[in-house]
Amino acid sequence: MIAELELNHENVLNTTGTKKVGDNHYIYSELAEYGSMYDLVQESEKLDEKCARAFFRQLLNGLQYLHSKHLVHRDIKMENLLLTKDCTLKICDFGEAYIPGMEDKENPGTEMYRPPDKNTTRAIFDSFSAGIVVFMMCTGEFPFLGCEDETYKEF
């Protein structure tokens, strides 16, 4: 269903075709040769502020486009942000995505990036996850690891 939306944006990994072979469905996409944001941050430990700001701007640009199409990604994380050889960020992996009319999943996305808000069909879901991503780009760490504070436990 997501593949049928024909998404076309510079910060979204675009589908170039689909094919069904037996019970299997294959989705072909453009190439992002430079790997994932996760790989880049692991390699360099953290990004400098100027670089992180540029990637964050691209992420928000892509999310704004998706949300304008009434699509909530729900699995924004470092591994789902791919990079091209010219350092363009591409949002990928729409397996957890929600569009109006779809049945909602319980606890979609990756736990460490999931917001406390239980409404998983709103754009705020992606905004919270984007905040986790930019924190990780700048520090190389998850923001809440090892936190024993009572507020965090309630969170």
C-alpha atoms as a PDB file:
ATOM      1  CA  MET A   1       0.000   0.000   0.000  1.00  0.00           C
ATOM      2  CA  ILE A   2       2.854   2.429   0.855  1.00  0.00           C
ATOM      3  CA  ALA A   3       4.676   1.563  -2.390  1.00  0.00           C
ATOM      4  CA  GLU A   4       1.559   2.639  -4.284  1.00  0.00           C
ATOM      5  CA  LEU A   5       1.846   6.216  -2.969  1.00  0.00           C
ATOM      6  CA  GLU A   6       4.582   7.014  -5.496  1.00  0.00           C
ATOM      7  CA  LEU A   7       6.617   9.114  -3.092  1.00  0.00           C
ATOM      8  CA  ASN A   8       9.033  11.437  -4.851  1.00  0.00           C
ATOM      9  CA  HIS A   9      11.264  13.647  -2.738  1.00  0.00           C
ATOM     10  CA  GLU A  10      14.979  14.313  -2.481  1.00  0.00           C
ATOM     11  CA  ASN A  11      15.078  13.123   1.157  1.00  0.00           C
ATOM     12  CA  VAL A  12      12.976   9.975   0.720  1.00  0.00           C
ATOM     13  CA  LEU A  13      14.434   6.802  -0.779  1.00  0.00           C
ATOM     14  CA  ASN A  14      12.378   6.630  -3.935  1.00  0.00           C
ATOM     15  CA  THR A  15      10.904   3.443  -5.347  1.00  0.00           C
ATOM     16  CA  THR A  16      11.949   2.708  -8.929  1.00  0.00           C
ATOM     17  CA  GLY A  17       9.752  -0.345  -9.477  1.00  0.00           C
ATOM     18  CA  THR A  18       7.990  -3.360  -8.028  1.00  0.00           C
ATOM     19  CA  LYS A  19       7.739  -6.982  -9.057  1.00  0.00           C
ATOM     20  CA  LYS A  20       5.749  -9.958  -7.823  1.00  0.00           C
ATOM     21  CA  VAL A  21       7.226 -13.435  -8.158  1.00  0.00           C
ATOM     22  CA  GLY A  22       4.952 -16.110  -6.736  1.00  0.00           C
ATOM     23  CA  ASP A  23       4.018 -15.035  -3.206  1.00  0.00           C
ATOM     24  CA  ASN A  24       6.980 -12.634  -2.958  1.00  0.00           C
ATOM     25  CA  HIS A  25       6.798  -8.900  -3.623  1.00  0.00           C
ATOM     26  CA  TYR A  26       9.997  -7.065  -4.528  1.00  0.00           C
ATOM     27  CA  ILE A  27      10.450  -3.313  -4.294  1.00  0.00           C
ATOM     28  CA  TYR A  28      13.299  -1.693  -6.200  1.00  0.00           C
ATOM     29  CA  SER A  29      14.666   1.641  -5.042  1.00  0.00           C
ATOM     30  CA  GLU A  30      17.322   4.174  -5.853  1.00  0.00           C
ATOM     31  CA  LEU A  31      20.828   3.516  -4.551  1.00  0.00           C
ATOM     32  CA  ALA A  32      22.190   5.117  -1.381  1.00  0.00           C
ATOM     33  CA  GLU A  33      25.853   4.197  -1.715  1.00  0.00           C
ATOM     34  CA  TYR A  34      27.222   5.710   1.488  1.00  0.00           C
ATOM     35  CA  GLY A  35      25.397   3.479   4.002  1.00  0.00           C
ATOM     36  CA  SER A  36      23.312   4.527   6.991  1.00  0.00           C
ATOM     37  CA  MET A  37      23.524   7.407   9.429  1.00  0.00           C
ATOM     38  CA  TYR A  38      24.161   4.772  12.091  1.00  0.00           C
ATOM     39  CA  ASP A  39      27.285   3.608  10.239  1.00  0.00           C
ATOM     40  CA  LEU A  40      28.549   7.177   9.828  1.00  0.00           C
ATOM     41  CA  VAL A  41      28.100   8.057  13.512  1.00  0.00           C
ATOM     42  CA  GLN A  42      29.653   4.756  14.648  1.00  0.00           C
ATOM     43  CA  GLU A  43      32.643   5.416  12.402  1.00  0.00           C
ATOM     44  CA  SER A  44      33.217   8.968  13.626  1.00  0.00           C
ATOM     45  CA  GLU A  45      31.785   8.562  17.192  1.00  0.00           C
ATOM     46  CA  LYS A  46      29.734  11.745  16.704  1.00  0.00           C
ATOM     47  CA  LEU A  47      29.181  14.415  14.078  1.00  0.00           C
ATOM     48  CA  ASP A  48      30.245  18.026  14.394  1.00  0.00           C
ATOM     49  CA  GLU A  49      27.406  20.476  14.933  1.00  0.00           C
ATOM     50  CA  LYS A  50      27.463  21.910  11.390  1.00  0.00           C
ATOM     51  CA  CYS A  51      27.228  18.445   9.815  1.00  0.00           C
ATOM     52  CA  ALA A  52      24.529  17.278  12.258  1.00  0.00           C
ATOM     53  CA  ARG A  53      22.521  20.437  11.585  1.00  0.00           C
ATOM     54  CA  ALA A  54      22.687  19.867   7.804  1.00  0.00           C
ATOM     55  CA  PHE A  55      21.524  16.242   8.126  1.00  0.00           C
ATOM     56  CA  PHE A  56      18.806  17.184  10.627  1.00  0.00           C
ATOM     57  CA  ARG A  57      17.493  19.826   8.217  1.00  0.00           C
ATOM     58  CA  GLN A  58      17.290  17.161   5.491  1.00  0.00           C
ATOM     59  CA  LEU A  59      15.499  14.771   7.859  1.00  0.00           C
ATOM     60  CA  LEU A  60      12.920  17.421   8.774  1.00  0.00           C
ATOM     61  CA  ASN A  61      12.506  18.313   5.099  1.00  0.00           C
ATOM     62  CA  GLY A  62      11.752  14.654   4.277  1.00  0.00           C
ATOM     63  CA  LEU A  63       9.378  14.286   7.227  1.00  0.00           C
ATOM     64  CA  GLN A  64       7.513  17.439   6.247  1.00  0.00           C
ATOM     65  CA  TYR A  65       6.984  15.944   2.792  1.00  0.00           C
ATOM     66  CA  LEU A  66       5.782  12.589   4.202  1.00  0.00           C
ATOM     67  CA  HIS A  67       3.422  14.299   6.636  1.00  0.00           C
ATOM     68  CA  SER A  68       2.026  16.448   3.812  1.00  0.00           C
ATOM     69  CA  LYS A  69       1.080  13.120   2.187  1.00  0.00           C
ATOM     70  CA  HIS A  70      -0.631  12.114   5.482  1.00  0.00           C
ATOM     71  CA  LEU A  71       2.012   9.430   6.063  1.00  0.00           C
ATOM     72  CA  VAL A  72       3.556   8.861   9.500  1.00  0.00           C
ATOM     73  CA  HIS A  73       6.786   6.841   9.185  1.00  0.00           C
ATOM     74  CA  ARG A  74       6.828   5.573  12.831  1.00  0.00           C
ATOM     75  CA  ASP A  75      10.317   4.047  12.613  1.00  0.00           C
ATOM     76  CA  ILE A  76      12.658   7.005  12.208  1.00  0.00           C
ATOM     77  CA  LYS A  77      16.010   5.799  13.493  1.00  0.00           C
ATOM     78  CA  MET A  78      19.676   6.015  12.514  1.00  0.00           C
ATOM     79  CA  GLU A  79      19.519   2.750  10.568  1.00  0.00           C
ATOM     80  CA  ASN A  80      16.597   4.006   8.442  1.00  0.00           C
ATOM     81  CA  LEU A  81      18.417   7.124   7.283  1.00  0.00           C
ATOM     82  CA  LEU A  82      20.590   6.311   4.291  1.00  0.00           C
ATOM     83  CA  LEU A  83      23.193   8.525   2.660  1.00  0.00           C
ATOM     84  CA  THR A  84      24.069   8.960  -0.992  1.00  0.00           C
ATOM     85  CA  LYS A  85      27.591   9.606  -2.256  1.00  0.00           C
ATOM     86  CA  ASP A  86      26.824  13.351  -2.316  1.00  0.00           C
ATOM     87  CA  CYS A  87      25.705  13.186   1.370  1.00  0.00           C
ATOM     88  CA  THR A  88      21.988  13.506   0.728  1.00  0.00           C
ATOM     89  CA  LEU A  89      19.968  11.910   3.532  1.00  0.00           C
ATOM     90  CA  LYS A  90      17.249   9.485   2.409  1.00  0.00           C
ATOM     91  CA  ILE A  91      14.481   8.221   4.697  1.00  0.00           C
ATOM     92  CA  CYS A  92      13.816   4.524   4.038  1.00  0.00           C
ATOM     93  CA  ASP A  93      11.974   1.452   5.368  1.00  0.00           C
ATOM     94  CA  PHE A  94       8.252   2.163   5.471  1.00  0.00           C
ATOM     95  CA  GLY A  95       7.279  -1.177   7.042  1.00  0.00           C
ATOM     96  CA  GLU A  96       5.872   0.511  10.169  1.00  0.00           C
ATOM     97  CA  ALA A  97       4.317   3.488   8.360  1.00  0.00           C
ATOM     98  CA  TYR A  98       0.741   4.596   8.867  1.00  0.00           C
ATOM     99  CA  ILE A  99      -1.603   6.305   6.431  1.00  0.00           C
ATOM    100  CA  PRO A 100      -5.274   7.045   7.143  1.00  0.00           C
ATOM    101  CA  GLY A 101      -7.449   4.019   6.510  1.00  0.00           C
ATOM    102  CA  MET A 102      -4.807   1.489   7.526  1.00  0.00           C
ATOM    103  CA  GLU A 103      -5.217  -0.639  10.606  1.00  0.00           C
ATOM    104  CA  ASP A 104      -2.988   0.698  13.389  1.00  0.00           C
ATOM    105  CA  LYS A 105      -0.283  -1.554  14.867  1.00  0.00           C
ATOM    106  CA  GLU A 106       0.327  -1.822  18.583  1.00  0.00           C
ATOM    107  CA  ASN A 107       3.736  -0.404  19.585  1.00  0.00           C
ATOM    108  CA  PRO A 108       5.097   0.325  16.101  1.00  0.00           C
ATOM    109  CA  GLY A 109       8.684   1.359  15.518  1.00  0.00           C
ATOM    110  CA  THR A 110      11.818   0.775  17.551  1.00  0.00           C
ATOM    111  CA  GLU A 111      11.467   1.085  21.316  1.00  0.00           C
ATOM    112  CA  MET A 112      14.455   3.390  21.934  1.00  0.00           C
ATOM    113  CA  TYR A 113      13.059   5.916  19.433  1.00  0.00           C
ATOM    114  CA  ARG A 114       9.363   5.608  20.344  1.00  0.00           C
ATOM    115  CA  PRO A 115       7.640   8.585  22.025  1.00  0.00           C
ATOM    116  CA  PRO A 116       5.680   8.246  25.268  1.00  0.00           C
ATOM    117  CA  ASP A 117       2.510   9.457  23.477  1.00  0.00           C
ATOM    118  CA  LYS A 118       0.325   6.420  22.842  1.00  0.00           C
ATOM    119  CA  ASN A 119      -1.264   7.950  19.722  1.00  0.00           C
ATOM    120  CA  THR A 120       0.885   6.371  17.019  1.00  0.00           C
ATOM    121  CA  THR A 121      -0.945   7.856  14.042  1.00  0.00           C
ATOM    122  CA  ARG A 122       0.150  11.495  14.501  1.00  0.00           C
ATOM    123  CA  ALA A 123       3.193  13.274  13.056  1.00  0.00           C
ATOM    124  CA  ILE A 124       4.452  13.982  16.603  1.00  0.00           C
ATOM    125  CA  PHE A 125       5.567  10.320  16.643  1.00  0.00           C
ATOM    126  CA  ASP A 126       8.170  11.091  13.949  1.00  0.00           C
ATOM    127  CA  SER A 127       9.118  14.420  15.524  1.00  0.00           C
ATOM    128  CA  PHE A 128      10.045  12.746  18.807  1.00  0.00           C
ATOM    129  CA  SER A 129      12.104  10.109  16.971  1.00  0.00           C
ATOM    130  CA  ALA A 130      13.867  12.846  14.972  1.00  0.00           C
ATOM    131  CA  GLY A 131      14.869  14.461  18.275  1.00  0.00           C
ATOM    132  CA  ILE A 132      16.448  11.187  19.387  1.00  0.00           C
ATOM    133  CA  VAL A 133      18.311  10.992  16.062  1.00  0.00           C
ATOM    134  CA  VAL A 134      19.764  14.517  16.280  1.00  0.00           C
ATOM    135  CA  PHE A 135      20.859  13.888  19.872  1.00  0.00           C
ATOM    136  CA  MET A 136      22.636  10.723  18.737  1.00  0.00           C
ATOM    137  CA  MET A 137      24.260  12.503  15.791  1.00  0.00           C
ATOM    138  CA  CYS A 138      25.725  15.098  18.177  1.00  0.00           C
ATOM    139  CA  THR A 139      26.743  12.776  21.022  1.00  0.00           C
ATOM    140  CA  GLY A 140      27.012   9.272  19.570  1.00  0.00           C
ATOM    141  CA  GLU A 141      24.750   7.984  22.376  1.00  0.00           C
ATOM    142  CA  PHE A 142      21.064   7.424  23.141  1.00  0.00           C
ATOM    143  CA  PRO A 143      19.698  10.211  25.353  1.00  0.00           C
ATOM    144  CA  PHE A 144      18.105   8.010  28.022  1.00  0.00           C
ATOM    145  CA  LEU A 145      20.537   5.104  28.476  1.00  0.00           C
ATOM    146  CA  GLY A 146      21.390   4.389  32.091  1.00  0.00           C
ATOM    147  CA  CYS A 147      18.889   6.907  33.415  1.00  0.00           C
ATOM    148  CA  GLU A 148      17.514   5.719  36.757  1.00  0.00           C
ATOM    149  CA  ASP A 149      15.471   8.820  37.517  1.00  0.00           C
ATOM    150  CA  GLU A 150      11.845   8.218  38.567  1.00  0.00           C
ATOM    151  CA  THR A 151      10.599  10.642  35.909  1.00  0.00           C
ATOM    152  CA  TYR A 152      12.272   8.583  33.194  1.00  0.00           C
ATOM    153  CA  LYS A 153      10.790   5.342  34.547  1.00  0.00           C
ATOM    154  CA  GLU A 154       7.309   6.916  34.284  1.00  0.00           C
ATOM    155  CA  PHE A 155       8.227   8.194  30.826  1.00  0.00           C
END
